[in-house]
Amino acid sequence: MPGSGLLRSVKFLFTAPILLAFLFLVNLMTSPGHWWVQWAALVLGIAWFFALVRVVGAVVLAGGLAALGVYLFNRRAGASEPAPTSAGAAGTSGLPDIPTVPLRRE
C-alpha cells in the first residue's frame, strides 16, 4: 500500500517516547543501579530521528507540490481573465464598492 511507510513513521514518532518511558520504568523497578535503558534510548533515538526526517521530507514535498499547483492555477487563470474595465462599471450593480486584495501577484 503506497504511503504505509510514511504512516508507520508518523505512528512511530508518537509510540517511541511512550515505549521508552515504559522501558525506563521497567529499568527503574528491576535494576536501579544498572542503566541498561540507555542503549534502548540510543537505538530508539536514532530510529526516531530517521522517522522524523521521513515525515518532514514528505511534508515539504506535499507543500512544494501544493505551491506549484497554486502557481500553475494562478498562471492559467491570469491568461483567461478579461482585461479590467474603466471605473465606470464600478457602481452599476447597486452594491457599495469594497476594495479587495488580489490573491495573485500582478
C-alpha atoms as a PDB file:
ATOM      1  CA  MET A   1       0.000   0.000   0.000  1.00  0.00           C
ATOM      2  CA  PRO A   2       1.522   3.365  -1.008  1.00  0.00           C
ATOM      3  CA  GLY A   3       2.298   5.644   1.905  1.00  0.00           C
ATOM      4  CA  SER A   4       2.191   2.921   4.533  1.00  0.00           C
ATOM      5  CA  GLY A   5       5.848   3.536   5.393  1.00  0.00           C
ATOM      6  CA  LEU A   6       5.061   7.194   5.997  1.00  0.00           C
ATOM      7  CA  LEU A   7       2.103   6.313   8.210  1.00  0.00           C
ATOM      8  CA  ARG A   8       4.282   3.922  10.206  1.00  0.00           C
ATOM      9  CA  SER A   9       6.839   6.704  10.635  1.00  0.00           C
ATOM     10  CA  VAL A  10       4.214   9.117  11.940  1.00  0.00           C
ATOM     11  CA  LYS A  11       2.934   6.449  14.316  1.00  0.00           C
ATOM     12  CA  PHE A  12       6.482   5.715  15.495  1.00  0.00           C
ATOM     13  CA  LEU A  13       7.047   9.391  16.319  1.00  0.00           C
ATOM     14  CA  PHE A  14       4.341   9.049  18.975  1.00  0.00           C
ATOM     15  CA  THR A  15       4.858   5.485  20.154  1.00  0.00           C
ATOM     16  CA  ALA A  16       8.655   5.531  20.589  1.00  0.00           C
ATOM     17  CA  PRO A  17       8.648   8.012  23.509  1.00  0.00           C
ATOM     18  CA  ILE A  18       5.890   6.015  25.213  1.00  0.00           C
ATOM     19  CA  LEU A  19       7.854   2.790  24.737  1.00  0.00           C
ATOM     20  CA  LEU A  20      10.995   4.447  26.092  1.00  0.00           C
ATOM     21  CA  ALA A  21       9.131   5.697  29.165  1.00  0.00           C
ATOM     22  CA  PHE A  22       7.843   2.168  29.772  1.00  0.00           C
ATOM     23  CA  LEU A  23      11.355   0.732  29.443  1.00  0.00           C
ATOM     24  CA  PHE A  24      12.660   3.383  31.824  1.00  0.00           C
ATOM     25  CA  LEU A  25      10.099   2.371  34.441  1.00  0.00           C
ATOM     26  CA  VAL A  26      10.970  -1.310  33.990  1.00  0.00           C
ATOM     27  CA  ASN A  27      14.659  -0.476  34.382  1.00  0.00           C
ATOM     28  CA  LEU A  28      13.947   1.608  37.470  1.00  0.00           C
ATOM     29  CA  MET A  29      11.964  -1.174  39.119  1.00  0.00           C
ATOM     30  CA  THR A  30      14.183  -4.124  38.202  1.00  0.00           C
ATOM     31  CA  SER A  31      17.755  -2.845  38.357  1.00  0.00           C
ATOM     32  CA  PRO A  32      18.068   0.768  39.532  1.00  0.00           C
ATOM     33  CA  GLY A  33      21.875   0.627  39.788  1.00  0.00           C
ATOM     34  CA  HIS A  34      22.432  -0.599  36.236  1.00  0.00           C
ATOM     35  CA  TRP A  35      21.037   1.661  33.482  1.00  0.00           C
ATOM     36  CA  TRP A  36      20.599  -0.658  30.510  1.00  0.00           C
ATOM     37  CA  VAL A  37      17.766   1.564  29.256  1.00  0.00           C
ATOM     38  CA  GLN A  38      20.353   3.971  27.837  1.00  0.00           C
ATOM     39  CA  TRP A  39      21.048   1.540  24.999  1.00  0.00           C
ATOM     40  CA  ALA A  40      17.374   1.252  24.191  1.00  0.00           C
ATOM     41  CA  ALA A  41      17.170   5.053  24.254  1.00  0.00           C
ATOM     42  CA  LEU A  42      20.097   5.291  21.843  1.00  0.00           C
ATOM     43  CA  VAL A  43      18.566   2.859  19.356  1.00  0.00           C
ATOM     44  CA  LEU A  44      15.071   4.364  19.632  1.00  0.00           C
ATOM     45  CA  GLY A  45      16.517   7.868  19.321  1.00  0.00           C
ATOM     46  CA  ILE A  46      18.312   7.032  16.089  1.00  0.00           C
ATOM     47  CA  ALA A  47      15.219   5.348  14.657  1.00  0.00           C
ATOM     48  CA  TRP A  48      13.051   8.280  15.813  1.00  0.00           C
ATOM     49  CA  PHE A  49      15.363  10.747  14.048  1.00  0.00           C
ATOM     50  CA  PHE A  50      15.123   8.863  10.744  1.00  0.00           C
ATOM     51  CA  ALA A  51      11.331   8.647  11.089  1.00  0.00           C
ATOM     52  CA  LEU A  52      11.230  12.403  11.691  1.00  0.00           C
ATOM     53  CA  VAL A  53      13.355  13.040   8.588  1.00  0.00           C
ATOM     54  CA  ARG A  54      10.976  10.894   6.518  1.00  0.00           C
ATOM     55  CA  VAL A  55       7.888  12.735   7.795  1.00  0.00           C
ATOM     56  CA  VAL A  56       9.392  16.213   7.387  1.00  0.00           C
ATOM     57  CA  GLY A  57      10.534  15.314   3.872  1.00  0.00           C
ATOM     58  CA  ALA A  58       7.034  14.206   2.936  1.00  0.00           C
ATOM     59  CA  VAL A  59       5.518  17.386   4.372  1.00  0.00           C
ATOM     60  CA  VAL A  60       7.989  19.558   2.449  1.00  0.00           C
ATOM     61  CA  LEU A  61       7.262  17.628  -0.744  1.00  0.00           C
ATOM     62  CA  ALA A  62       3.499  17.977  -0.271  1.00  0.00           C
ATOM     63  CA  GLY A  63       3.844  21.698   0.437  1.00  0.00           C
ATOM     64  CA  GLY A  64       6.002  22.187  -2.638  1.00  0.00           C
ATOM     65  CA  LEU A  65       3.516  20.365  -4.827  1.00  0.00           C
ATOM     66  CA  ALA A  66       0.665  22.439  -3.393  1.00  0.00           C
ATOM     67  CA  ALA A  67       2.603  25.663  -4.057  1.00  0.00           C
ATOM     68  CA  LEU A  68       3.337  24.526  -7.612  1.00  0.00           C
ATOM     69  CA  GLY A  69      -0.351  23.771  -8.140  1.00  0.00           C
ATOM     70  CA  VAL A  70      -1.388  27.224  -6.898  1.00  0.00           C
ATOM     71  CA  TYR A  71       1.256  28.867  -9.089  1.00  0.00           C
ATOM     72  CA  LEU A  72       0.120  26.987 -12.187  1.00  0.00           C
ATOM     73  CA  PHE A  73      -3.548  27.657 -11.383  1.00  0.00           C
ATOM     74  CA  ASN A  74      -2.935  31.387 -10.982  1.00  0.00           C
ATOM     75  CA  ARG A  75      -0.867  31.457 -14.152  1.00  0.00           C
ATOM     76  CA  ARG A  76      -3.591  29.715 -16.146  1.00  0.00           C
ATOM     77  CA  ALA A  77      -6.368  31.825 -14.596  1.00  0.00           C
ATOM     78  CA  GLY A  78      -4.430  35.012 -15.376  1.00  0.00           C
ATOM     79  CA  ALA A  79      -4.248  34.168 -19.079  1.00  0.00           C
ATOM     80  CA  SER A  80      -8.005  33.703 -19.447  1.00  0.00           C
ATOM     81  CA  GLU A  81      -9.182  36.728 -17.430  1.00  0.00           C
ATOM     82  CA  PRO A  82     -10.536  39.678 -19.370  1.00  0.00           C
ATOM     83  CA  ALA A  83      -8.717  42.980 -19.057  1.00  0.00           C
ATOM     84  CA  PRO A  84     -10.044  45.238 -16.266  1.00  0.00           C
ATOM     85  CA  THR A  85     -12.509  47.883 -17.419  1.00  0.00           C
ATOM     86  CA  SER A  86     -12.527  51.567 -16.545  1.00  0.00           C
ATOM     87  CA  ALA A  87     -14.070  52.936 -13.338  1.00  0.00           C
ATOM     88  CA  GLY A  88     -17.481  53.497 -14.948  1.00  0.00           C
ATOM     89  CA  ALA A  89     -18.660  49.925 -14.259  1.00  0.00           C
ATOM     90  CA  ALA A  90     -17.980  50.008 -10.520  1.00  0.00           C
ATOM     91  CA  GLY A  91     -21.266  51.324  -9.150  1.00  0.00           C
ATOM     92  CA  THR A  92     -23.723  49.844 -11.630  1.00  0.00           C
ATOM     93  CA  SER A  93     -24.873  46.878  -9.530  1.00  0.00           C
ATOM     94  CA  GLY A  94     -26.133  48.955  -6.612  1.00  0.00           C
ATOM     95  CA  LEU A  95     -23.650  47.398  -4.191  1.00  0.00           C
ATOM     96  CA  PRO A  96     -21.028  49.523  -2.467  1.00  0.00           C
ATOM     97  CA  ASP A  97     -17.538  49.455  -3.934  1.00  0.00           C
ATOM     98  CA  ILE A  98     -15.472  47.385  -1.456  1.00  0.00           C
ATOM     99  CA  PRO A  99     -11.726  47.310  -2.013  1.00  0.00           C
ATOM    100  CA  THR A 100     -10.298  43.821  -2.338  1.00  0.00           C
ATOM    101  CA  VAL A 101      -6.853  42.317  -2.030  1.00  0.00           C
ATOM    102  CA  PRO A 102      -5.698  40.398  -5.097  1.00  0.00           C
ATOM    103  CA  LEU A 103      -4.885  36.729  -4.472  1.00  0.00           C
ATOM    104  CA  ARG A 104      -2.116  36.636  -7.040  1.00  0.00           C
ATOM    105  CA  ARG A 105       0.739  38.897  -7.876  1.00  0.00           C
ATOM    106  CA  GLU A 106       0.292  41.005 -10.984  1.00  0.00           C
END
